Amino acid sequence: RNAKKPAPTQAVPETLHTHADLYTHAHTQACIYVFRHMFTFAHMHTHIQTHVHICIH
């Protein structure tokens, strides 16, 4: 039994480390996505504001 206990204990930090890496990678990808599409987002936002303005008036 003592020989089997170290394996799960070692697996926990690896899992946490993997989750941290995935989160960091996802965050980096999200930042890249936002930067790449910032102009498009800004254009869409302006278009929506214009459309709403026209509809209200």
PDB file of N, CA and C in Angstrom:
ATOM      1  N   ARG A   1       0.828  -1.214   0.000  1.00  0.00           N
ATOM      2  CA  ARG A   1       0.000   0.000   0.000  1.00  0.00           C
ATOM      3  C   ARG A   1       0.867   1.272   0.000  1.00  0.00           C
ATOM      4  N   ASN A   2       1.957   1.203   0.732  1.00  0.00           N
ATOM      5  CA  ASN A   2       2.817   2.377   0.825  1.00  0.00           C
ATOM      6  C   ASN A   2       3.428   2.734  -0.529  1.00  0.00           C
ATOM      7  N   ALA A   3       3.630   1.732  -1.359  1.00  0.00           N
ATOM      8  CA  ALA A   3       4.241   1.978  -2.661  1.00  0.00           C
ATOM      9  C   ALA A   3       3.253   2.656  -3.606  1.00  0.00           C
ATOM     10  N   LYS A   4       1.964   2.464  -3.392  1.00  0.00           N
ATOM     11  CA  LYS A   4       0.965   3.036  -4.290  1.00  0.00           C
ATOM     12  C   LYS A   4       0.618   4.484  -3.942  1.00  0.00           C
ATOM     13  N   LYS A   5       0.888   4.883  -2.705  1.00  0.00           N
ATOM     14  CA  LYS A   5       0.497   6.231  -2.268  1.00  0.00           C
ATOM     15  C   LYS A   5       1.268   7.363  -2.962  1.00  0.00           C
ATOM     16  N   PRO A   6       2.576   7.252  -3.205  1.00  0.00           N
ATOM     17  CA  PRO A   6       3.308   8.356  -3.831  1.00  0.00           C
ATOM     18  C   PRO A   6       2.785   8.724  -5.220  1.00  0.00           C
ATOM     19  N   ALA A   7       2.264   7.766  -5.964  1.00  0.00           N
ATOM     20  CA  ALA A   7       1.816   8.041  -7.328  1.00  0.00           C
ATOM     21  C   ALA A   7       0.684   9.065  -7.365  1.00  0.00           C
ATOM     22  N   PRO A   8      -0.422   8.879  -6.620  1.00  0.00           N
ATOM     23  CA  PRO A   8      -1.493   9.878  -6.636  1.00  0.00           C
ATOM     24  C   PRO A   8      -1.015  11.227  -6.120  1.00  0.00           C
ATOM     25  N   THR A   9      -0.130  11.219  -5.131  1.00  0.00           N
ATOM     26  CA  THR A   9       0.370  12.480  -4.565  1.00  0.00           C
ATOM     27  C   THR A   9       1.142  13.266  -5.617  1.00  0.00           C
ATOM     28  N   GLN A  10       1.922  12.569  -6.440  1.00  0.00           N
ATOM     29  CA  GLN A  10       2.706  13.232  -7.480  1.00  0.00           C
ATOM     30  C   GLN A  10       1.806  13.710  -8.620  1.00  0.00           C
ATOM     31  N   ALA A  11       0.683  13.029  -8.794  1.00  0.00           N
ATOM     32  CA  ALA A  11      -0.200  13.364  -9.905  1.00  0.00           C
ATOM     33  C   ALA A  11      -0.936  14.682  -9.650  1.00  0.00           C
ATOM     34  N   VAL A  12      -1.147  15.015  -8.387  1.00  0.00           N
ATOM     35  CA  VAL A  12      -1.901  16.224  -8.068  1.00  0.00           C
ATOM     36  C   VAL A  12      -1.194  17.495  -8.544  1.00  0.00           C
ATOM     37  N   PRO A  13       0.082  17.691  -8.188  1.00  0.00           N
ATOM     38  CA  PRO A  13       0.779  18.891  -8.672  1.00  0.00           C
ATOM     39  C   PRO A  13       0.836  18.958 -10.197  1.00  0.00           C
ATOM     40  N   GLU A  14       1.020  17.789 -10.839  1.00  0.00           N
ATOM     41  CA  GLU A  14       1.083  17.772 -12.300  1.00  0.00           C
ATOM     42  C   GLU A  14      -0.244  18.249 -12.899  1.00  0.00           C
ATOM     43  N   THR A  15      -1.343  17.800 -12.277  1.00  0.00           N
ATOM     44  CA  THR A  15      -2.664  18.199 -12.765  1.00  0.00           C
ATOM     45  C   THR A  15      -2.861  19.699 -12.588  1.00  0.00           C
ATOM     46  N   LEU A  16      -2.488  20.208 -11.422  1.00  0.00           N
ATOM     47  CA  LEU A  16      -2.631  21.637 -11.161  1.00  0.00           C
ATOM     48  C   LEU A  16      -1.768  22.438 -12.121  1.00  0.00           C
ATOM     49  N   HIS A  17      -0.547  21.939 -12.364  1.00  0.00           N
ATOM     50  CA  HIS A  17       0.371  22.615 -13.275  1.00  0.00           C
ATOM     51  C   HIS A  17      -0.210  22.635 -14.691  1.00  0.00           C
ATOM     52  N   THR A  18      -0.827  21.526 -15.090  1.00  0.00           N
ATOM     53  CA  THR A  18      -1.426  21.445 -16.420  1.00  0.00           C
ATOM     54  C   THR A  18      -2.570  22.431 -16.548  1.00  0.00           C
ATOM     55  N   HIS A  19      -3.404  22.505 -15.522  1.00  0.00           N
ATOM     56  CA  HIS A  19      -4.531  23.442 -15.550  1.00  0.00           C
ATOM     57  C   HIS A  19      -4.028  24.882 -15.636  1.00  0.00           C
ATOM     58  N   ALA A  20      -2.960  25.170 -14.917  1.00  0.00           N
ATOM     59  CA  ALA A  20      -2.379  26.511 -14.949  1.00  0.00           C
ATOM     60  C   ALA A  20      -1.880  26.837 -16.347  1.00  0.00           C
ATOM     61  N   ASP A  21      -1.214  25.848 -16.977  1.00  0.00           N
ATOM     62  CA  ASP A  21      -0.711  26.048 -18.337  1.00  0.00           C
ATOM     63  C   ASP A  21      -1.854  26.272 -19.318  1.00  0.00           C
ATOM     64  N   LEU A  22      -2.913  25.484 -19.160  1.00  0.00           N
ATOM     65  CA  LEU A  22      -4.063  25.618 -20.063  1.00  0.00           C
ATOM     66  C   LEU A  22      -4.714  26.980 -19.880  1.00  0.00           C
ATOM     67  N   TYR A  23      -4.832  27.413 -18.637  1.00  0.00           N
ATOM     68  CA  TYR A  23      -5.448  28.717 -18.369  1.00  0.00           C
ATOM     69  C   TYR A  23      -4.598  29.837 -18.964  1.00  0.00           C
ATOM     70  N   THR A  24      -3.278  29.732 -18.756  1.00  0.00           N
ATOM     71  CA  THR A  24      -2.374  30.755 -19.296  1.00  0.00           C
ATOM     72  C   THR A  24      -2.448  30.781 -20.821  1.00  0.00           C
ATOM     73  N   HIS A  25      -2.466  29.592 -21.419  1.00  0.00           N
ATOM     74  CA  HIS A  25      -2.539  29.495 -22.878  1.00  0.00           C
ATOM     75  C   HIS A  25      -3.858  30.082 -23.370  1.00  0.00           C
ATOM     76  N   ALA A  26      -4.951  29.755 -22.703  1.00  0.00           N
ATOM     77  CA  ALA A  26      -6.260  30.267 -23.105  1.00  0.00           C
ATOM     78  C   ALA A  26      -6.301  31.780 -22.960  1.00  0.00           C
ATOM     79  N   HIS A  27      -5.705  32.296 -21.889  1.00  0.00           N
ATOM     80  CA  HIS A  27      -5.684  33.737 -21.658  1.00  0.00           C
ATOM     81  C   HIS A  27      -4.870  34.440 -22.737  1.00  0.00           C
ATOM     82  N   THR A  28      -3.724  33.832 -23.089  1.00  0.00           N
ATOM     83  CA  THR A  28      -2.876  34.398 -24.141  1.00  0.00           C
ATOM     84  C   THR A  28      -3.612  34.407 -25.478  1.00  0.00           C
ATOM     85  N   GLN A  29      -4.274  33.299 -25.793  1.00  0.00           N
ATOM     86  CA  GLN A  29      -5.019  33.206 -27.045  1.00  0.00           C
ATOM     87  C   GLN A  29      -6.147  34.225 -27.068  1.00  0.00           C
ATOM     88  N   ALA A  30      -6.795  34.423 -25.927  1.00  0.00           N
ATOM     89  CA  ALA A  30      -7.885  35.392 -25.843  1.00  0.00           C
ATOM     90  C   ALA A  30      -7.352  36.802 -26.097  1.00  0.00           C
ATOM     91  N   CYS A  31      -6.200  37.119 -25.525  1.00  0.00           N
ATOM     92  CA  CYS A  31      -5.602  38.440 -25.729  1.00  0.00           C
ATOM     93  C   CYS A  31      -5.249  38.659 -27.201  1.00  0.00           C
ATOM     94  N   ILE A  32      -4.660  37.634 -27.814  1.00  0.00           N
ATOM     95  CA  ILE A  32      -4.298  37.726 -29.229  1.00  0.00           C
ATOM     96  C   ILE A  32      -5.549  37.930 -30.070  1.00  0.00           C
ATOM     97  N   TYR A  33      -6.612  37.190 -29.722  1.00  0.00           N
ATOM     98  CA  TYR A  33      -7.859  37.285 -30.475  1.00  0.00           C
ATOM     99  C   TYR A  33      -8.430  38.703 -30.368  1.00  0.00           C
ATOM    100  N   VAL A  34      -8.421  39.252 -29.170  1.00  0.00           N
ATOM    101  CA  VAL A  34      -8.963  40.590 -28.963  1.00  0.00           C
ATOM    102  C   VAL A  34      -8.151  41.626 -29.740  1.00  0.00           C
ATOM    103  N   PHE A  35      -6.815  41.511 -29.661  1.00  0.00           N
ATOM    104  CA  PHE A  35      -5.970  42.466 -30.371  1.00  0.00           C
ATOM    105  C   PHE A  35      -6.185  42.384 -31.882  1.00  0.00           C
ATOM    106  N   ARG A  36      -6.322  41.153 -32.393  1.00  0.00           N
ATOM    107  CA  ARG A  36      -6.508  40.977 -33.835  1.00  0.00           C
ATOM    108  C   ARG A  36      -7.839  41.548 -34.298  1.00  0.00           C
ATOM    109  N   HIS A  37      -8.850  41.454 -33.459  1.00  0.00           N
ATOM    110  CA  HIS A  37     -10.199  41.844 -33.862  1.00  0.00           C
ATOM    111  C   HIS A  37     -10.659  43.142 -33.215  1.00  0.00           C
ATOM    112  N   MET A  38      -9.719  43.863 -32.594  1.00  0.00           N
ATOM    113  CA  MET A  38     -10.087  45.098 -31.896  1.00  0.00           C
ATOM    114  C   MET A  38     -10.738  46.093 -32.857  1.00  0.00           C
ATOM    115  N   PHE A  39     -10.146  46.237 -34.054  1.00  0.00           N
ATOM    116  CA  PHE A  39     -10.703  47.179 -35.026  1.00  0.00           C
ATOM    117  C   PHE A  39     -12.106  46.740 -35.433  1.00  0.00           C
ATOM    118  N   THR A  40     -12.275  45.441 -35.668  1.00  0.00           N
ATOM    119  CA  THR A  40     -13.586  44.922 -36.065  1.00  0.00           C
ATOM    120  C   THR A  40     -14.602  45.156 -34.960  1.00  0.00           C
ATOM    121  N   PHE A  41     -14.202  44.887 -33.720  1.00  0.00           N
ATOM    122  CA  PHE A  41     -15.097  45.101 -32.590  1.00  0.00           C
ATOM    123  C   PHE A  41     -15.484  46.573 -32.496  1.00  0.00           C
ATOM    124  N   ALA A  42     -14.510  47.450 -32.652  1.00  0.00           N
ATOM    125  CA  ALA A  42     -14.769  48.882 -32.564  1.00  0.00           C
ATOM    126  C   ALA A  42     -15.725  49.315 -33.671  1.00  0.00           C
ATOM    127  N   HIS A  43     -15.507  48.780 -34.875  1.00  0.00           N
ATOM    128  CA  HIS A  43     -16.364  49.115 -36.006  1.00  0.00           C
ATOM    129  C   HIS A  43     -17.792  48.630 -35.760  1.00  0.00           C
ATOM    130  N   MET A  44     -17.919  47.396 -35.262  1.00  0.00           N
ATOM    131  CA  MET A  44     -19.237  46.842 -34.979  1.00  0.00           C
ATOM    132  C   MET A  44     -19.932  47.665 -33.903  1.00  0.00           C
ATOM    133  N   HIS A  45     -19.170  48.072 -32.882  1.00  0.00           N
ATOM    134  CA  HIS A  45     -19.736  48.847 -31.791  1.00  0.00           C
ATOM    135  C   HIS A  45     -20.268  50.178 -32.315  1.00  0.00           C
ATOM    136  N   THR A  46     -19.482  50.820 -33.172  1.00  0.00           N
ATOM    137  CA  THR A  46     -19.901  52.094 -33.758  1.00  0.00           C
ATOM    138  C   THR A  46     -21.131  51.888 -34.626  1.00  0.00           C
ATOM    139  N   HIS A  47     -21.149  50.817 -35.400  1.00  0.00           N
ATOM    140  CA  HIS A  47     -22.271  50.524 -36.279  1.00  0.00           C
ATOM    141  C   HIS A  47     -23.538  50.291 -35.463  1.00  0.00           C
ATOM    142  N   ILE A  48     -23.386  49.537 -34.357  1.00  0.00           N
ATOM    143  CA  ILE A  48     -24.543  49.264 -33.495  1.00  0.00           C
ATOM    144  C   ILE A  48     -25.050  50.568 -32.877  1.00  0.00           C
ATOM    145  N   GLN A  49     -24.144  51.402 -32.419  1.00  0.00           N
ATOM    146  CA  GLN A  49     -24.540  52.685 -31.834  1.00  0.00           C
ATOM    147  C   GLN A  49     -25.295  53.526 -32.872  1.00  0.00           C
ATOM    148  N   THR A  50     -24.781  53.552 -34.091  1.00  0.00           N
ATOM    149  CA  THR A  50     -25.427  54.311 -35.162  1.00  0.00           C
ATOM    150  C   THR A  50     -26.813  53.751 -35.453  1.00  0.00           C
ATOM    151  N   HIS A  51     -26.913  52.436 -35.531  1.00  0.00           N
ATOM    152  CA  HIS A  51     -28.174  51.783 -35.833  1.00  0.00           C
ATOM    153  C   HIS A  51     -29.199  52.078 -34.735  1.00  0.00           C
ATOM    154  N   VAL A  52     -28.757  51.987 -33.475  1.00  0.00           N
ATOM    155  CA  VAL A  52     -29.647  52.262 -32.347  1.00  0.00           C
ATOM    156  C   VAL A  52     -30.082  53.720 -32.385  1.00  0.00           C
ATOM    157  N   HIS A  53     -29.133  54.606 -32.705  1.00  0.00           N
ATOM    158  CA  HIS A  53     -29.433  56.035 -32.769  1.00  0.00           C
ATOM    159  C   HIS A  53     -30.519  56.301 -33.817  1.00  0.00           C
ATOM    160  N   ILE A  54     -30.383  55.650 -34.977  1.00  0.00           N
ATOM    161  CA  ILE A  54     -31.361  55.828 -36.054  1.00  0.00           C
ATOM    162  C   ILE A  54     -32.717  55.267 -35.621  1.00  0.00           C
ATOM    163  N   CYS A  55     -32.715  54.115 -34.975  1.00  0.00           N
ATOM    164  CA  CYS A  55     -33.972  53.498 -34.570  1.00  0.00           C
ATOM    165  C   CYS A  55     -34.695  54.347 -33.528  1.00  0.00           C
ATOM    166  N   ILE A  56     -33.937  54.908 -32.590  1.00  0.00           N
ATOM    167  CA  ILE A  56     -34.557  55.721 -31.530  1.00  0.00           C
ATOM    168  C   ILE A  56     -35.175  56.975 -32.139  1.00  0.00           C
ATOM    169  N   HIS A  57     -34.488  57.564 -33.108  1.00  0.00           N
ATOM    170  CA  HIS A  57     -34.991  58.794 -33.716  1.00  0.00           C
ATOM    171  C   HIS A  57     -35.764  58.439 -34.987  1.00  0.00           C
TER     172      HIS A  57
END
